[in-house]
Amino acid sequence: MSATIRARFQAGIVAVAPTVLFLGFVYHPYLRNATDEEAIAAAVAADTTRWGLAHLAIGVGYALLALAFIALRRRSSRGGRGTLEQPRAPVAVVGSALFPILTGMELALLATAEAGGDVETAQTGLFPWFVPVLVTGAICFTLGAIGFAISIARSGVLGKQLTWLTVGAVVVMAAARFVPLGAAQIVIGVAAVVALWPLAFEMWKHPEVGPTEQPRSIPIT
């Protein structure tokens, strides 16, 4: 695989990851309060297929998001003026990797509903496992996102207004993980798109960056 094709493949991952995440959150049944066990049980029972597909999409989206951070980390490792400084990818990847575990737990509610079990009771049993994973993942993702936002701000790879828009979106995406409201899900998806699409576009425009070249834009592999 040529360096150009590899770079554009990585740009594609950076663009696709937030898109899949956004679509998964949009399709997810709306929950005014994501900790309301009765509302969760009702949403699962109302449409198990939608519940299952939404959580599969969200899980895949977060897995792709982890790959996107790795792609950004690899591109930034080449250095040079105007490059994206080393984002805190390892911590962000850990945070992204923990979220699919949560979607797996929520798929257990689907199995409970289809088996004719008590979904609300199942949700109550999952909470002692769900909350620590959620909080740990959110903290790791936030630490990585903050470092990533600082790197974007310092790098100058985007215009001033687009830089602050991207940085703000990264911060919002991380902060929304701590908000147990249904609206926060949509916010995460939108913020992910706003944060990563501009970077993916820069990667696509400048796939020719080599290990010894001085890149003019975002060197992300």
Foldseek 3Di string as FASTA:
>chain_A
DDLLVVLLVLLVLLQVLLVLLLVLLVLAPFDQFLLPLVSLLVSCLVDVVSLLVSLVSNLVSLQSVLSNLLLQQQQQVLDAALEQHRFLSVLLSVLSNLVNVLSVLSNVLNVCSVVVHRSSVSSVVCVVVNVVSLVSSLVSNQVRLLSSLVSLCPRCQDDPVLSVQLSVLSNLLSVLSPGRGSVSSNSNSVSSNSNRNVVSVQSNVPSPDDSPDRDPHYRRD
